Amino acid sequence: DEPDAIVAAEHERLKTVLGHLIQNAVDAAGPEGNVAVRVLTKPDTAVVEISDNGPGMDATFVRDRLFRPFDSTKTTGYGIGVYESREYARSLGGFIEVDTAPGKGTTMRLCLPLAATSKAPATAS
């Protein structure tokens, strides 16, 4: 039985972060490509994994440019989506992992701490 992937986050900001990451994957994959999104849990962590079969990125780009604000390879937008996504994840005690290589596509993992929840029924006192 897979536990619930419940995190303590502001709904709209989390939706925006996921939107950025998914849109980047769609853009990278192109009209003939594929994007997969899955949610899983690891001990104390919820993981949203977004994978595309686009061209991938080299290590230098990931290290020097991927998370730099106002730096974009796209003709539209401001180049702040991935930066803002990483910063929001950090503010929640999480992080973003990047698994990519040229010609191999990209998988971005948004990793956030699971919220402390109680599955025990409430009791009246």
C-alpha atoms as a PDB file:
ATOM      1  CA  ASP A   1       0.000   0.000   0.000  1.00  0.00           C
ATOM      2  CA  GLU A   2       1.690   3.187  -1.249  1.00  0.00           C
ATOM      3  CA  PRO A   3       1.438   6.003   1.342  1.00  0.00           C
ATOM      4  CA  ASP A   4      -0.165   9.298   0.406  1.00  0.00           C
ATOM      5  CA  ALA A   5       2.194  11.917  -1.019  1.00  0.00           C
ATOM      6  CA  ILE A   6       0.909  14.844   1.041  1.00  0.00           C
ATOM      7  CA  VAL A   7       3.113  17.926   1.369  1.00  0.00           C
ATOM      8  CA  ALA A   8       2.650  21.208   3.232  1.00  0.00           C
ATOM      9  CA  ALA A   9       2.697  23.751   0.395  1.00  0.00           C
ATOM     10  CA  GLU A  10       0.703  26.683  -0.882  1.00  0.00           C
ATOM     11  CA  HIS A  11      -1.633  25.223  -3.516  1.00  0.00           C
ATOM     12  CA  GLU A  12      -1.216  27.934  -6.163  1.00  0.00           C
ATOM     13  CA  ARG A  13       2.578  28.159  -5.854  1.00  0.00           C
ATOM     14  CA  LEU A  14       2.968  24.383  -6.051  1.00  0.00           C
ATOM     15  CA  LYS A  15       0.666  24.335  -9.078  1.00  0.00           C
ATOM     16  CA  THR A  16       2.817  27.040 -10.712  1.00  0.00           C
ATOM     17  CA  VAL A  17       6.042  25.111 -10.009  1.00  0.00           C
ATOM     18  CA  LEU A  18       4.617  21.909 -11.487  1.00  0.00           C
ATOM     19  CA  GLY A  19       3.306  23.896 -14.447  1.00  0.00           C
ATOM     20  CA  HIS A  20       6.787  25.310 -15.148  1.00  0.00           C
ATOM     21  CA  LEU A  21       8.474  21.928 -14.947  1.00  0.00           C
ATOM     22  CA  ILE A  22       5.863  20.187 -17.089  1.00  0.00           C
ATOM     23  CA  GLN A  23       5.825  22.971 -19.697  1.00  0.00           C
ATOM     24  CA  ASN A  24       9.632  22.821 -19.943  1.00  0.00           C
ATOM     25  CA  ALA A  25       9.405  19.070 -20.558  1.00  0.00           C
ATOM     26  CA  VAL A  26       6.706  19.568 -23.214  1.00  0.00           C
ATOM     27  CA  ASP A  27       8.800  22.250 -24.919  1.00  0.00           C
ATOM     28  CA  ALA A  28      11.924  20.066 -24.833  1.00  0.00           C
ATOM     29  CA  ALA A  29      10.126  16.976 -26.149  1.00  0.00           C
ATOM     30  CA  GLY A  30       8.564  18.867 -29.038  1.00  0.00           C
ATOM     31  CA  PRO A  31       5.378  17.949 -30.913  1.00  0.00           C
ATOM     32  CA  GLU A  32       6.473  14.368 -31.582  1.00  0.00           C
ATOM     33  CA  GLY A  33       7.987  13.734 -28.150  1.00  0.00           C
ATOM     34  CA  ASN A  34       6.714  12.202 -24.951  1.00  0.00           C
ATOM     35  CA  VAL A  35       6.391  13.512 -21.412  1.00  0.00           C
ATOM     36  CA  ALA A  36       5.635  11.345 -18.381  1.00  0.00           C
ATOM     37  CA  VAL A  37       4.671  12.540 -14.916  1.00  0.00           C
ATOM     38  CA  ARG A  38       4.585  10.286 -11.900  1.00  0.00           C
ATOM     39  CA  VAL A  39       4.304  10.765  -8.168  1.00  0.00           C
ATOM     40  CA  LEU A  40       6.044   8.478  -5.723  1.00  0.00           C
ATOM     41  CA  THR A  41       7.131   8.503  -2.128  1.00  0.00           C
ATOM     42  CA  LYS A  42      10.458   7.766  -0.537  1.00  0.00           C
ATOM     43  CA  PRO A  43      11.035   7.794   3.220  1.00  0.00           C
ATOM     44  CA  ASP A  44       9.781  11.191   4.411  1.00  0.00           C
ATOM     45  CA  THR A  45       9.778  12.584   0.828  1.00  0.00           C
ATOM     46  CA  ALA A  46       7.197  13.067  -1.902  1.00  0.00           C
ATOM     47  CA  VAL A  47       8.678  13.011  -5.402  1.00  0.00           C
ATOM     48  CA  VAL A  48       7.074  14.367  -8.562  1.00  0.00           C
ATOM     49  CA  GLU A  49       9.071  13.033 -11.483  1.00  0.00           C
ATOM     50  CA  ILE A  50       8.704  14.705 -14.891  1.00  0.00           C
ATOM     51  CA  SER A  51      10.503  12.972 -17.761  1.00  0.00           C
ATOM     52  CA  ASP A  52      10.817  13.895 -21.420  1.00  0.00           C
ATOM     53  CA  ASN A  53      12.521  12.308 -24.394  1.00  0.00           C
ATOM     54  CA  GLY A  54      13.825  15.619 -25.717  1.00  0.00           C
ATOM     55  CA  PRO A  55      17.443  16.383 -26.599  1.00  0.00           C
ATOM     56  CA  GLY A  56      18.671  16.501 -22.995  1.00  0.00           C
ATOM     57  CA  MET A  57      21.210  18.925 -21.531  1.00  0.00           C
ATOM     58  CA  ASP A  58      24.924  18.687 -20.951  1.00  0.00           C
ATOM     59  CA  ALA A  59      26.475  18.970 -17.478  1.00  0.00           C
ATOM     60  CA  THR A  60      27.911  22.424 -18.193  1.00  0.00           C
ATOM     61  CA  PHE A  61      24.464  23.811 -19.079  1.00  0.00           C
ATOM     62  CA  VAL A  62      22.899  22.285 -15.972  1.00  0.00           C
ATOM     63  CA  ARG A  63      25.679  23.601 -13.723  1.00  0.00           C
ATOM     64  CA  ASP A  64      26.051  27.089 -15.245  1.00  0.00           C
ATOM     65  CA  ARG A  65      22.691  28.064 -16.716  1.00  0.00           C
ATOM     66  CA  LEU A  66      19.704  25.869 -15.857  1.00  0.00           C
ATOM     67  CA  PHE A  67      18.932  27.491 -12.501  1.00  0.00           C
ATOM     68  CA  ARG A  68      20.192  30.993 -13.360  1.00  0.00           C
ATOM     69  CA  PRO A  69      17.353  33.542 -13.363  1.00  0.00           C
ATOM     70  CA  PHE A  70      16.722  35.587 -16.510  1.00  0.00           C
ATOM     71  CA  ASP A  71      18.766  33.164 -18.649  1.00  0.00           C
ATOM     72  CA  SER A  72      16.685  31.274 -21.184  1.00  0.00           C
ATOM     73  CA  THR A  73      17.163  29.345 -24.393  1.00  0.00           C
ATOM     74  CA  LYS A  74      13.536  30.101 -25.320  1.00  0.00           C
ATOM     75  CA  THR A  75      12.301  33.064 -27.321  1.00  0.00           C
ATOM     76  CA  THR A  76       9.411  33.665 -24.889  1.00  0.00           C
ATOM     77  CA  GLY A  77       9.310  33.947 -21.123  1.00  0.00           C
ATOM     78  CA  TYR A  78      11.731  35.414 -18.631  1.00  0.00           C
ATOM     79  CA  GLY A  79      13.934  32.439 -17.816  1.00  0.00           C
ATOM     80  CA  ILE A  80      12.857  32.329 -14.181  1.00  0.00           C
ATOM     81  CA  GLY A  81      10.609  29.243 -14.042  1.00  0.00           C
ATOM     82  CA  VAL A  82      13.202  26.630 -13.065  1.00  0.00           C
ATOM     83  CA  TYR A  83      14.960  29.086 -10.746  1.00  0.00           C
ATOM     84  CA  GLU A  84      11.691  29.948  -8.973  1.00  0.00           C
ATOM     85  CA  SER A  85      10.783  26.264  -8.812  1.00  0.00           C
ATOM     86  CA  ARG A  86      14.075  25.391  -7.126  1.00  0.00           C
ATOM     87  CA  GLU A  87      13.794  28.295  -4.691  1.00  0.00           C
ATOM     88  CA  TYR A  88      10.243  27.346  -3.704  1.00  0.00           C
ATOM     89  CA  ALA A  89      11.285  23.715  -3.203  1.00  0.00           C
ATOM     90  CA  ARG A  90      14.139  24.913  -0.983  1.00  0.00           C
ATOM     91  CA  SER A  91      11.792  27.128   1.026  1.00  0.00           C
ATOM     92  CA  LEU A  92       9.754  24.005   1.829  1.00  0.00           C
ATOM     93  CA  GLY A  93      12.828  22.005   2.829  1.00  0.00           C
ATOM     94  CA  GLY A  94      13.032  20.205  -0.513  1.00  0.00           C
ATOM     95  CA  PHE A  95      15.079  20.260  -3.686  1.00  0.00           C
ATOM     96  CA  ILE A  96      15.056  19.553  -7.409  1.00  0.00           C
ATOM     97  CA  GLU A  97      17.149  16.777  -8.938  1.00  0.00           C
ATOM     98  CA  VAL A  98      18.100  16.803 -12.616  1.00  0.00           C
ATOM     99  CA  ASP A  99      18.960  13.634 -14.508  1.00  0.00           C
ATOM    100  CA  THR A 100      19.906  14.469 -18.082  1.00  0.00           C
ATOM    101  CA  ALA A 101      22.462  13.968 -20.834  1.00  0.00           C
ATOM    102  CA  PRO A 102      22.643  15.037 -24.464  1.00  0.00           C
ATOM    103  CA  GLY A 103      20.571  12.675 -26.578  1.00  0.00           C
ATOM    104  CA  LYS A 104      19.055  11.000 -23.497  1.00  0.00           C
ATOM    105  CA  GLY A 105      16.185  13.292 -22.515  1.00  0.00           C
ATOM    106  CA  THR A 106      15.658  14.790 -19.078  1.00  0.00           C
ATOM    107  CA  THR A 107      14.048  13.797 -15.810  1.00  0.00           C
ATOM    108  CA  MET A 108      13.379  16.508 -13.251  1.00  0.00           C
ATOM    109  CA  ARG A 109      12.452  15.375  -9.739  1.00  0.00           C
ATOM    110  CA  LEU A 110      10.707  17.784  -7.417  1.00  0.00           C
ATOM    111  CA  CYS A 111      11.429  16.341  -3.957  1.00  0.00           C
ATOM    112  CA  LEU A 112       9.489  17.734  -0.996  1.00  0.00           C
ATOM    113  CA  PRO A 113       9.199  16.602   2.615  1.00  0.00           C
ATOM    114  CA  LEU A 114       6.047  14.675   3.380  1.00  0.00           C
ATOM    115  CA  ALA A 115       3.636  16.507   5.666  1.00  0.00           C
ATOM    116  CA  ALA A 116       3.146  15.042   9.115  1.00  0.00           C
ATOM    117  CA  THR A 117      -0.344  13.604   8.986  1.00  0.00           C
ATOM    118  CA  SER A 118      -2.233  11.431  11.357  1.00  0.00           C
ATOM    119  CA  LYS A 119      -4.322   8.641   9.910  1.00  0.00           C
ATOM    120  CA  ALA A 120      -5.780   7.871  13.328  1.00  0.00           C
ATOM    121  CA  PRO A 121      -9.440   8.865  13.676  1.00  0.00           C
ATOM    122  CA  ALA A 122     -10.152  11.893  15.802  1.00  0.00           C
ATOM    123  CA  THR A 123     -11.632  11.139  19.196  1.00  0.00           C
ATOM    124  CA  ALA A 124     -14.097  13.232  21.116  1.00  0.00           C
ATOM    125  CA  SER A 125     -13.074  14.227  24.634  1.00  0.00           C
END
